[in-house]
């Protein structure tokens, strides 16, 4: 057991004294909560008959002890409310010592209590609970890192990012605004789910452990299944399984999936992340662009009541329609260079000319991707669709209906970062096999992110997959934008960290 601080030792002594008084500091019985801080503060109407015998539960966050009467603040999941404790009413007769011992000395900031009493308004106008009954529900044995405030300035704030991410439970207690970020994140998913359900699409689940890592260009995590004696991969995407369901006869399927990529970590990347993937039969990428605009505009309106969202110092407007560029058009627009007819050698020379880092493992697709990433992405702030990608960049997308060498693919860039990726899906099994084989050649050149060949997926689409449009939206990055968060760790409850 780690060495205890002086405050921890005192709290453990208090815990034992409470037990010696015959009070169970961790009672098993449920507590009959029927009121919340926020709803009470919002709805209180000064009619005393409507506000009698209300039950609240939460953490004791402040105390002001004044002889036989005291004020304190109780914090529940909705907010804080003041409580008033009078010794003569709470502990009548010979029980006065219970007030002096328990509330004044043995209860600590952070302890979880239940209170029952009448709600009233003090002479200074503060809505307050006059406590008739107090029940200790959980005694804390570690002190909270209490944030002190004076004249609007925070002191001793629990603000160190590493501490906050490692001890998110404390972050949520002492920094209530953090909770709002995750409530908004939940609402983002709810809006998406309700919208897709209303369109008649089905939410499904597909394997996280996969024998072949497919559906994206990324380096996977590898594990081993002892019984089968085979290596398995944590999924990098769920695309190929969802498209199998389209083959099987579903017209529209989607999944909110945890995906895993064994890659670098920064403020935009976590090895474990969440995305929604959607596949709809008999649609194309133009239809999907309209759906993305509709969905994200609706999310902004639900969370903010407007299509305009503040992100840092920038006001981003999600009102439809959004700007659209082809990939080659964007590169030419921002660099003045037309790369649409360049071969691999010319692309290498162009990258060198523009001082873009490249290596010998990179084929045409990655060279073009690097050009776009270095020269264009940082300039795309308002929602913009980048469409019509080179075929080398998109092994799972359908060939463009009118332009040789391109595929029907788009990404949405907001605030310089991709938040979604979508295709008219490749459903030609012969073409798909050839694309997979090209990826295998890249893997032999040392590209660790090249896709693997999936024979079962090829077999599935050989039975016929209808024209289909597919979409992936990164929930974490979208949540960053919608909550004005600067790091992906701020929108993940428990981001990956190095061991302490």
Protein backbone atom coordinates (compact mmCIF):
# COMPACT_ATOMS: atom_id res chain seq x y z
CA UNK A 1 0.00 0.00 0.00
CA UNK A 2 1.39 3.47 -0.90
CA UNK A 3 2.47 5.71 1.96
CA UNK A 4 -0.44 7.86 3.14
CA UNK A 5 -0.32 11.63 3.32
CA UNK A 6 -1.22 13.38 6.56
CA UNK A 7 -4.67 14.31 5.20
CA UNK A 8 -5.32 10.72 4.12
CA UNK A 9 -4.38 9.48 7.58
CA UNK A 10 -6.77 11.97 9.20
CA UNK A 11 -9.60 10.90 6.90
CA UNK A 12 -9.05 7.24 7.67
CA UNK A 13 -9.17 8.07 11.39
CA UNK A 14 -12.46 9.90 10.78
CA UNK A 15 -13.75 6.88 8.90
CA UNK A 16 -13.00 4.65 11.90
CA UNK A 17 -14.66 7.08 14.32
CA UNK A 18 -17.78 7.06 12.17
CA UNK A 19 -17.83 3.26 12.29
CA UNK A 20 -17.34 3.41 16.09
CA UNK A 21 -20.46 5.63 16.30
CA UNK A 22 -22.46 2.77 14.76
CA UNK A 23 -22.84 4.55 11.40
CA UNK A 24 -22.19 2.55 8.23
CA UNK A 25 -20.16 4.91 5.99
CA UNK A 26 -21.01 2.84 2.90
CA UNK A 27 -24.66 1.79 3.35
CA UNK A 28 -26.10 -0.78 0.95
CA UNK A 29 -29.68 0.49 0.88
CA UNK A 30 -30.75 2.67 -2.05
CA UNK A 31 -31.33 6.34 -1.34
CA UNK A 32 -34.70 7.78 -2.51
CA UNK A 33 -33.43 10.70 -4.62
CA UNK A 34 -36.34 12.60 -6.15
CA UNK A 35 -34.84 16.03 -6.90
CA UNK A 36 -31.83 17.53 -8.67
CA UNK A 37 -29.95 20.76 -8.12
CA UNK A 38 -30.46 22.17 -11.62
CA UNK A 39 -34.19 21.39 -11.85
CA UNK A 40 -34.82 22.83 -8.39
CA UNK A 41 -32.95 26.07 -9.11
CA UNK A 42 -34.77 26.40 -12.44
CA UNK A 43 -38.29 25.63 -11.25
CA UNK A 44 -38.49 26.89 -7.65
CA UNK A 45 -41.58 29.10 -7.30
CA UNK A 46 -41.68 30.25 -3.64
CA UNK A 47 -44.75 28.08 -2.95
CA UNK A 48 -43.61 26.22 0.20
CA UNK A 49 -46.28 23.52 -0.07
CA UNK A 50 -44.76 22.27 -3.36
CA UNK A 51 -41.21 22.03 -2.00
CA UNK A 52 -41.47 19.96 1.16
CA UNK A 53 -39.51 16.79 1.94
CA UNK A 54 -37.35 16.82 -1.19
CA UNK A 55 -34.47 14.32 -1.41
CA UNK A 56 -31.10 15.20 -2.93
CA UNK A 57 -27.82 13.29 -3.11
CA UNK A 58 -24.33 14.32 -4.11
CA UNK A 59 -20.93 15.49 -2.92
CA UNK A 60 -20.33 17.93 -0.12
CA UNK A 61 -18.29 20.64 -1.84
CA UNK A 62 -18.15 23.59 0.59
CA UNK A 63 -19.01 24.23 4.28
CA UNK A 64 -19.52 27.38 6.32
CA UNK A 65 -19.94 26.36 9.98
CA UNK A 66 -21.46 29.02 12.22
CA UNK A 67 -22.10 27.55 15.69
CA UNK A 68 -25.35 25.65 15.71
CA UNK A 69 -26.17 26.52 12.09
CA UNK A 70 -24.21 25.85 8.94
CA UNK A 71 -24.44 26.33 5.19
CA UNK A 72 -22.90 23.97 2.66
CA UNK A 73 -22.99 23.22 -1.07
CA UNK A 74 -24.14 19.89 -2.44
CA UNK A 75 -23.07 18.96 -5.99
CA UNK A 76 -24.99 16.34 -7.97
CA UNK A 77 -24.68 15.43 -11.64
CA UNK A 78 -26.72 18.49 -12.68
CA UNK A 79 -24.98 21.19 -10.65
CA UNK A 80 -24.76 22.66 -7.14
CA UNK A 81 -27.35 23.72 -4.60
CA UNK A 82 -26.97 25.29 -1.17
CA UNK A 83 -28.08 23.34 1.90
CA UNK A 84 -28.79 24.70 5.37
CA UNK A 85 -28.25 22.67 8.52
CA UNK A 86 -29.61 23.71 11.90
CA UNK A 87 -28.37 21.67 14.83
CA UNK A 88 -31.63 21.89 16.81
CA UNK A 89 -33.74 20.73 13.87
CA UNK A 90 -31.37 18.13 12.47
CA UNK A 91 -30.36 16.62 15.84
CA UNK A 92 -33.06 17.51 18.40
CA UNK A 93 -32.80 16.77 22.11
CA UNK A 94 -29.80 14.80 23.27
CA UNK A 95 -28.58 14.18 19.71
CA UNK A 96 -26.89 17.59 19.45
CA UNK A 97 -23.50 15.99 19.94
CA UNK A 98 -24.10 13.99 16.75
CA UNK A 99 -24.20 17.28 14.82
CA UNK A 100 -21.05 18.54 16.53
CA UNK A 101 -19.17 15.30 15.97
CA UNK A 102 -20.38 14.13 12.57
CA UNK A 103 -21.07 17.22 10.53
CA UNK A 104 -18.67 19.69 12.14
CA UNK A 105 -15.70 17.34 12.54
CA UNK A 106 -15.91 14.00 10.74
CA UNK A 107 -17.56 14.87 7.42
CA UNK A 108 -15.14 16.14 4.76
CA UNK A 109 -15.31 17.99 1.47
CA UNK A 110 -15.98 15.36 -1.20
CA UNK A 111 -18.03 13.02 0.99
CA UNK A 112 -21.20 11.77 -0.70
CA UNK A 113 -24.32 12.46 1.34
CA UNK A 114 -28.08 12.33 0.97
CA UNK A 115 -30.29 15.06 2.41
CA UNK A 116 -34.02 15.40 2.86
CA UNK A 117 -35.69 18.71 3.60
CA UNK A 118 -37.77 21.67 2.55
CA UNK A 119 -36.65 24.04 -0.19
CA UNK A 120 -36.85 27.77 0.58
CA UNK A 121 -35.32 31.06 -0.52
CA UNK A 122 -32.93 32.83 1.85
CA UNK A 123 -33.20 36.54 2.63
CA UNK A 124 -30.49 37.17 0.00
CA UNK A 125 -32.51 35.25 -2.57
CA UNK A 126 -30.58 31.98 -2.78
CA UNK A 127 -32.61 28.79 -3.26
CA UNK A 128 -31.63 26.50 -0.39
CA UNK A 129 -32.57 23.13 1.12
CA UNK A 130 -33.33 23.22 4.84
CA UNK A 131 -32.08 19.78 5.86
CA UNK A 132 -34.22 17.64 8.17
CA UNK A 133 -32.36 14.36 7.57
CA UNK A 134 -28.74 13.74 6.54
CA UNK A 135 -27.37 10.34 5.50
CA UNK A 136 -23.72 9.54 4.84
CA UNK A 137 -23.64 7.51 1.61
CA UNK A 138 -19.88 7.24 0.95
CA UNK A 139 -16.92 8.54 2.98
CA UNK A 140 -13.90 9.77 1.03
CA UNK A 141 -10.45 8.81 2.23
CA UNK A 142 -8.57 11.01 -0.23
CA UNK A 143 -8.98 14.81 -0.35
CA UNK A 144 -10.24 16.42 -3.55
CA UNK A 145 -7.99 18.92 -5.37
CA UNK A 146 -10.44 21.71 -4.58
CA UNK A 147 -10.39 24.65 -6.96
CA UNK A 148 -10.41 27.97 -5.12
CA UNK A 149 -11.97 31.05 -6.71
CA UNK A 150 -11.68 34.71 -5.70
CA UNK A 151 -12.90 37.70 -7.69
CA UNK A 152 -13.39 35.48 -10.72
CA UNK A 153 -9.83 34.13 -10.63
CA UNK A 154 -9.16 30.41 -10.14
CA UNK A 155 -6.39 29.33 -7.77
CA UNK A 156 -4.92 25.87 -7.29
CA UNK A 157 -6.95 24.70 -10.28
CA UNK A 158 -6.80 21.05 -11.28
CA UNK A 159 -5.60 22.02 -14.75
CA UNK A 160 -2.46 20.01 -15.56
CA UNK A 161 -3.45 18.07 -18.73
CA UNK A 162 -1.60 14.89 -17.79
CA UNK A 163 -3.22 14.78 -14.34
CA UNK A 164 -6.63 15.52 -15.81
CA UNK A 165 -6.40 12.76 -18.43
CA UNK A 166 -5.00 10.18 -16.00
CA UNK A 167 -7.55 10.96 -13.29
CA UNK A 168 -10.58 11.86 -15.37
CA UNK A 169 -12.85 11.04 -12.42
CA UNK A 170 -11.29 13.97 -10.50
CA UNK A 171 -11.39 16.17 -13.58
CA UNK A 172 -15.16 15.62 -13.85
CA UNK A 173 -15.67 16.39 -10.15
CA UNK A 174 -13.70 19.62 -9.84
CA UNK A 175 -14.04 20.93 -13.43
CA UNK A 176 -17.79 20.63 -14.17
CA UNK A 177 -17.41 22.20 -17.62
CA UNK A 178 -15.57 19.05 -18.70
CA UNK A 179 -18.77 17.08 -18.18
CA UNK A 180 -20.51 19.30 -20.73
CA UNK A 181 -17.99 18.27 -23.39
CA UNK A 182 -18.92 14.62 -22.98
CA UNK A 183 -22.63 15.34 -22.80
CA UNK A 184 -22.30 17.11 -26.16
CA UNK A 185 -20.32 14.17 -27.52
CA UNK A 186 -23.17 11.86 -26.54
CA UNK A 187 -25.67 14.18 -28.24
CA UNK A 188 -23.63 14.06 -31.47
CA UNK A 189 -24.01 10.28 -31.56
CA UNK A 190 -27.69 10.50 -30.62
CA UNK A 191 -28.44 12.91 -33.49
CA UNK A 192 -26.66 10.61 -35.95
CA UNK A 193 -28.41 7.50 -34.69
CA UNK A 194 -31.87 9.07 -34.72
CA UNK A 195 -31.36 10.46 -38.22
CA UNK A 196 -30.17 7.16 -39.70
CA UNK A 197 -32.83 5.13 -37.90
CA UNK A 198 -35.49 7.49 -39.28
CA UNK A 199 -34.20 6.76 -42.80
CA UNK A 200 -34.70 3.03 -42.21
CA UNK A 201 -31.06 1.99 -41.86
CA UNK A 202 -29.99 -0.65 -39.35
CA UNK A 203 -27.37 -0.36 -36.65
CA UNK A 204 -25.24 -3.51 -36.57
CA UNK A 205 -22.12 -4.92 -34.90
CA UNK A 206 -19.14 -6.44 -36.69
CA UNK A 207 -15.98 -8.17 -35.37
CA UNK A 208 -13.30 -6.21 -33.55
CA UNK A 209 -10.86 -9.15 -33.75
CA UNK A 210 -10.25 -9.83 -37.44
CA UNK A 211 -8.08 -12.40 -39.23
CA UNK A 212 -7.16 -9.79 -41.88
CA UNK A 213 -6.74 -6.07 -41.24
CA UNK A 214 -8.70 -4.41 -44.02
CA UNK A 215 -10.82 -1.44 -44.91
CA UNK A 216 -8.18 1.27 -44.47
CA UNK A 217 -4.51 2.08 -44.96
CA UNK A 218 -3.07 1.78 -41.44
CA UNK A 219 -0.70 -0.28 -39.30
CA UNK A 220 -2.65 -2.69 -37.08
CA UNK A 221 -2.28 -4.04 -33.56
CA UNK A 222 -1.60 -7.78 -33.50
CA UNK A 223 -2.74 -10.27 -30.87
CA UNK A 224 -2.86 -14.06 -30.61
CA UNK A 225 -5.80 -16.39 -30.03
CA UNK A 226 -4.56 -19.37 -28.04
CA UNK A 227 -7.35 -21.84 -28.81
CA UNK A 228 -7.28 -21.28 -32.57
CA UNK A 229 -3.50 -20.72 -32.46
CA UNK A 230 -3.72 -17.85 -34.93
CA UNK A 231 -2.76 -14.21 -34.96
CA UNK A 232 -5.65 -11.76 -35.07
CA UNK A 233 -5.74 -8.01 -35.63
CA UNK A 234 -7.67 -5.31 -33.81
CA UNK A 235 -9.76 -3.80 -36.56
CA UNK A 236 -8.51 -0.68 -38.27
CA UNK A 237 -11.94 -0.27 -39.94
CA UNK A 238 -15.19 -2.18 -40.25
CA UNK A 239 -15.79 -1.38 -43.92
CA UNK A 240 -15.34 -4.83 -45.45
CA UNK A 241 -17.73 -6.50 -42.99
CA UNK A 242 -20.43 -3.85 -43.48
CA UNK A 243 -20.18 -4.26 -47.26
CA UNK A 244 -20.64 -8.00 -46.81
CA UNK A 245 -24.01 -7.11 -45.25
CA UNK A 246 -24.93 -5.05 -48.31
CA UNK A 247 -24.13 -8.14 -50.39
CA UNK A 248 -26.40 -10.08 -48.05
CA UNK A 249 -29.40 -7.88 -48.83
CA UNK A 250 -29.43 -4.98 -46.35
CA UNK A 251 -30.14 -1.67 -48.07
CA UNK A 252 -28.49 0.44 -45.35
CA UNK A 253 -26.31 -0.46 -42.37
CA UNK A 254 -24.21 1.57 -39.95
CA UNK A 255 -22.00 0.97 -36.94
CA UNK A 256 -20.45 3.16 -34.25
CA UNK A 257 -17.16 1.35 -33.97
CA UNK A 258 -14.04 1.41 -31.84
CA UNK A 259 -11.11 1.12 -34.24
CA UNK A 260 -7.42 0.72 -33.46
CA UNK A 261 -4.36 1.90 -35.38
CA UNK A 262 -0.82 1.27 -34.19
CA UNK A 263 0.47 4.68 -35.16
CA UNK A 264 1.74 7.94 -33.71
CA UNK A 265 -0.02 9.94 -31.00
CA UNK A 266 -0.60 13.68 -31.05
CA UNK A 267 -3.41 16.08 -30.35
CA UNK A 268 -5.35 14.74 -33.36
CA UNK A 269 -4.53 11.02 -33.05
CA UNK A 270 -5.19 8.37 -30.40
CA UNK A 271 -4.46 4.67 -31.07
CA UNK A 272 -8.05 3.84 -30.06
CA UNK A 273 -10.72 6.02 -31.67
CA UNK A 274 -14.40 6.03 -32.59
CA UNK A 275 -15.99 6.41 -35.96
CA UNK A 276 -19.34 5.78 -37.58
CA UNK A 277 -19.35 3.88 -40.86
CA UNK A 278 -22.46 3.88 -43.05
CA UNK A 279 -23.19 1.93 -46.25
CA UNK A 280 -26.29 2.49 -48.36
CA UNK A 281 -27.19 0.50 -51.46
CA UNK A 282 -28.18 2.15 -54.76
CA UNK A 283 -26.55 5.48 -53.80
CA UNK A 284 -23.38 7.27 -54.92
CA UNK A 285 -20.89 9.76 -53.47
CA UNK A 286 -22.90 12.79 -54.59
CA UNK A 287 -25.86 11.55 -52.56
CA UNK A 288 -23.55 10.91 -49.60
CA UNK A 289 -22.15 14.46 -49.74
CA UNK A 290 -25.69 15.80 -49.38
CA UNK A 291 -26.31 13.45 -46.43
CA UNK A 292 -23.11 14.58 -44.66
CA UNK A 293 -24.08 18.24 -45.05
CA UNK A 294 -27.55 17.52 -43.69
CA UNK A 295 -26.26 15.47 -40.74
CA UNK A 296 -23.52 17.81 -39.53
CA UNK A 297 -25.64 20.91 -39.99
CA UNK A 298 -28.28 19.22 -37.82
CA UNK A 299 -25.67 18.35 -35.17
CA UNK A 300 -24.53 21.98 -35.01
CA UNK A 301 -28.11 23.19 -34.66
CA UNK A 302 -28.88 20.65 -31.92
CA UNK A 303 -25.79 21.49 -29.86
CA UNK A 304 -25.59 25.24 -30.43
CA UNK A 305 -28.93 26.41 -31.82
CA UNK A 306 -27.09 27.78 -34.86
CA UNK A 307 -25.01 26.48 -37.76
CA UNK A 308 -22.10 28.64 -36.56
CA UNK A 309 -19.61 27.04 -34.17
CA UNK A 310 -16.74 28.84 -32.45
CA UNK A 311 -13.45 26.92 -32.74
CA UNK A 312 -10.63 28.82 -31.10
CA UNK A 313 -10.62 32.26 -32.70
CA UNK A 314 -12.43 31.02 -35.83
CA UNK A 315 -16.18 30.96 -36.45
CA UNK A 316 -17.01 27.92 -38.58
CA UNK A 317 -20.34 27.84 -40.40
CA UNK A 318 -21.88 24.47 -41.25
CA UNK A 319 -24.80 25.93 -43.18
CA UNK A 320 -25.38 24.08 -46.45
CA UNK A 321 -24.12 23.97 -49.20
CA UNK A 322 -20.37 23.59 -48.57
CA UNK A 323 -17.50 24.43 -50.91
CA UNK A 324 -16.28 21.62 -53.21
CA UNK A 325 -12.83 21.10 -54.81
CA UNK A 326 -11.39 18.19 -56.77
CA UNK A 327 -8.11 17.01 -55.22
CA UNK A 328 -6.04 18.03 -58.25
CA UNK A 329 -7.97 21.29 -58.41
CA UNK A 330 -7.16 22.05 -54.76
CA UNK A 331 -3.44 21.33 -55.27
CA UNK A 332 -3.33 23.59 -58.32
CA UNK A 333 -5.37 26.28 -56.55
CA UNK A 334 -2.99 26.48 -53.58
CA UNK A 335 0.37 25.75 -55.29
CA UNK A 336 -0.13 26.88 -58.87
CA UNK A 337 1.11 23.43 -60.02
CA UNK A 338 -0.96 21.00 -62.11
CA UNK A 339 0.01 17.49 -60.98
CA UNK A 340 -2.87 15.68 -62.65
CA UNK A 341 -0.76 14.23 -65.49
CA UNK A 342 2.47 13.61 -63.56
CA UNK A 343 4.02 10.16 -63.22
CA UNK A 344 5.73 8.94 -60.04
CA UNK A 345 9.13 10.38 -60.92
CA UNK A 346 7.66 13.82 -61.68
CA UNK A 347 5.72 13.74 -58.41
CA UNK A 348 8.93 12.96 -56.50
CA UNK A 349 10.63 15.97 -58.10
CA UNK A 350 7.64 18.20 -57.32
CA UNK A 351 7.65 17.13 -53.67
CA UNK A 352 11.38 17.87 -53.43
CA UNK A 353 10.86 21.26 -55.07
CA UNK A 354 8.22 22.09 -52.45
CA UNK A 355 10.44 20.74 -49.61
CA UNK A 356 8.03 17.95 -48.70
CA UNK A 357 9.53 14.97 -46.86
CA UNK A 358 9.12 11.70 -48.78
CA UNK A 359 10.75 8.28 -48.85
CA UNK A 360 11.29 5.48 -51.36
CA UNK A 361 8.36 3.39 -50.07
CA UNK A 362 5.86 5.98 -51.31
CA UNK A 363 3.96 5.32 -54.52
CA UNK A 364 1.93 7.80 -56.56
CA UNK A 365 -0.97 7.77 -54.11
CA UNK A 366 1.10 8.66 -51.07
CA UNK A 367 3.08 11.27 -52.96
CA UNK A 368 -0.11 13.04 -54.04
CA UNK A 369 -1.50 12.68 -50.52
CA UNK A 370 1.64 14.31 -49.11
CA UNK A 371 1.37 17.18 -51.59
CA UNK A 372 -2.22 17.79 -50.63
CA UNK A 373 -1.54 17.46 -46.91
CA UNK A 374 1.40 19.85 -46.88
CA UNK A 375 0.11 22.46 -49.31
CA UNK A 376 -3.67 22.49 -48.99
CA UNK A 377 -5.10 21.13 -45.73
CA UNK A 378 -3.98 24.01 -43.52
CA UNK A 379 -5.82 26.46 -45.79
CA UNK A 380 -9.17 24.64 -45.61
CA UNK A 381 -10.96 26.10 -42.56
CA UNK A 382 -14.64 26.25 -43.49
CA UNK A 383 -16.30 22.89 -44.33
CA UNK A 384 -14.99 21.80 -47.73
CA UNK A 385 -15.42 18.62 -49.74
CA UNK A 386 -12.28 17.40 -51.52
CA UNK A 387 -13.41 14.97 -54.20
CA UNK A 388 -12.25 12.85 -57.16
CA UNK A 389 -9.07 11.26 -55.82
CA UNK A 390 -6.37 9.50 -57.86
CA UNK A 391 -7.03 5.78 -58.13
CA UNK A 392 -3.71 4.94 -56.44
CA UNK A 393 -4.95 6.55 -53.20
CA UNK A 394 -8.23 4.65 -52.95
CA UNK A 395 -8.12 0.85 -53.31
CA UNK A 396 -11.78 0.42 -52.31
CA UNK A 397 -13.44 3.19 -54.33
CA UNK A 398 -15.22 2.91 -57.68
CA UNK A 399 -13.50 4.30 -60.79
CA UNK A 400 -14.72 7.74 -61.77
CA UNK A 401 -17.62 7.62 -64.21
CA UNK A 402 -16.06 10.18 -66.59
CA UNK A 403 -12.39 10.91 -65.72
CA UNK A 404 -9.72 8.27 -66.33
CA UNK A 405 -7.38 7.59 -63.42
CA UNK A 406 -9.67 8.96 -60.70
CA UNK A 407 -12.14 7.42 -58.28
CA UNK A 408 -15.42 8.65 -56.85
CA UNK A 409 -14.25 9.56 -53.38
CA UNK A 410 -14.56 12.61 -51.13
CA UNK A 411 -13.25 13.78 -47.79
CA UNK A 412 -14.63 16.61 -45.72
CA UNK A 413 -12.00 18.99 -44.32
CA UNK A 414 -12.91 21.34 -41.46
CA UNK A 415 -10.45 23.55 -39.59
CA UNK A 416 -7.60 21.96 -41.58
CA UNK A 417 -8.47 18.38 -40.55
CA UNK A 418 -10.30 15.54 -42.25
CA UNK A 419 -13.48 14.56 -40.40
CA UNK A 420 -14.98 12.13 -42.92
CA UNK A 421 -14.13 9.93 -45.88
CA UNK A 422 -16.59 8.46 -48.39
CA UNK A 423 -16.78 6.60 -51.70
CA UNK A 424 -18.96 5.32 -54.39
CA UNK A 425 -17.92 1.81 -53.38
CA UNK A 426 -16.00 -0.45 -55.73
CA UNK A 427 -18.26 -3.43 -56.52
CA UNK A 428 -16.36 -4.89 -59.50
CA UNK A 429 -14.66 -8.01 -58.05
CA UNK A 430 -12.07 -8.20 -60.85
CA UNK A 431 -11.02 -4.59 -60.41
CA UNK A 432 -11.01 -5.03 -56.63
CA UNK A 433 -8.63 -7.99 -56.81
CA UNK A 434 -6.26 -6.02 -59.01
CA UNK A 435 -6.30 -3.11 -56.53
CA UNK A 436 -5.52 -5.46 -53.63
CA UNK A 437 -2.63 -6.94 -55.61
CA UNK A 438 -1.24 -3.44 -56.18
CA UNK A 439 -1.41 -2.88 -52.43
CA UNK A 440 0.56 -6.09 -51.88
CA UNK A 441 3.32 -4.72 -54.13
CA UNK A 442 3.43 -1.56 -52.00
CA UNK A 443 3.71 -3.71 -48.88
CA UNK A 444 6.73 -5.45 -50.43
CA UNK A 445 8.31 -2.01 -50.93
CA UNK A 446 8.02 -1.46 -47.18
CA UNK A 447 4.68 0.35 -46.88
CA UNK A 448 3.41 -0.82 -43.46
CA UNK A 449 0.01 0.79 -44.10
CA UNK A 450 -0.74 -1.05 -47.35
CA UNK A 451 -3.98 -3.06 -47.36
CA UNK A 452 -4.00 -6.83 -47.12
CA UNK A 453 -5.78 -9.00 -49.69
CA UNK A 454 -9.04 -10.35 -48.25
CA UNK A 455 -10.14 -13.43 -50.20
CA UNK A 456 -13.43 -13.82 -48.35
CA UNK A 457 -14.41 -10.22 -49.11
CA UNK A 458 -13.58 -10.79 -52.75
CA UNK A 459 -15.69 -13.95 -52.71
CA UNK A 460 -18.57 -11.97 -51.19
CA UNK A 461 -18.65 -9.31 -53.90
CA UNK A 462 -18.26 -12.00 -56.56
CA UNK A 463 -21.83 -12.94 -55.54
CA UNK A 464 -22.80 -9.38 -56.49
CA UNK A 465 -22.87 -6.15 -54.50
CA UNK A 466 -25.30 -3.45 -55.69
CA UNK A 467 -24.06 0.08 -56.37
CA UNK A 468 -23.32 1.40 -52.90
CA UNK A 469 -22.10 4.56 -51.21
CA UNK A 470 -20.05 4.29 -48.02
CA UNK A 471 -19.04 6.83 -45.39
CA UNK A 472 -16.79 7.04 -42.34
CA UNK A 473 -16.95 9.99 -39.90
CA UNK A 474 -14.42 10.39 -37.10
CA UNK A 475 -16.50 11.00 -33.98
CA UNK A 476 -13.53 12.23 -31.93
CA UNK A 477 -12.48 14.92 -34.41
CA UNK A 478 -16.07 16.01 -34.96
CA UNK A 479 -16.49 16.26 -31.18
CA UNK A 480 -13.34 18.41 -30.97
CA UNK A 481 -14.86 20.89 -33.39
CA UNK A 482 -18.34 20.89 -31.87
CA UNK A 483 -17.00 21.41 -28.32
CA UNK A 484 -14.16 23.82 -29.18
CA UNK A 485 -11.58 21.38 -27.81
CA UNK A 486 -7.94 21.73 -28.78
CA UNK A 487 -6.84 18.11 -28.30
CA UNK A 488 -8.38 14.72 -29.01
CA UNK A 489 -7.55 13.82 -25.39
CA UNK A 490 -10.09 16.45 -24.29
CA UNK A 491 -12.96 14.53 -25.96
CA UNK A 492 -11.90 11.03 -24.87
CA UNK A 493 -12.91 10.10 -21.36
CA UNK A 494 -9.83 7.93 -20.89
CA UNK A 495 -7.17 8.66 -23.54
CA UNK A 496 -4.18 6.37 -23.92
CA UNK A 497 -1.26 7.41 -21.71
CA UNK A 498 2.19 6.14 -20.88
CA UNK A 499 2.19 4.13 -17.65
CA UNK A 500 2.91 6.23 -14.56
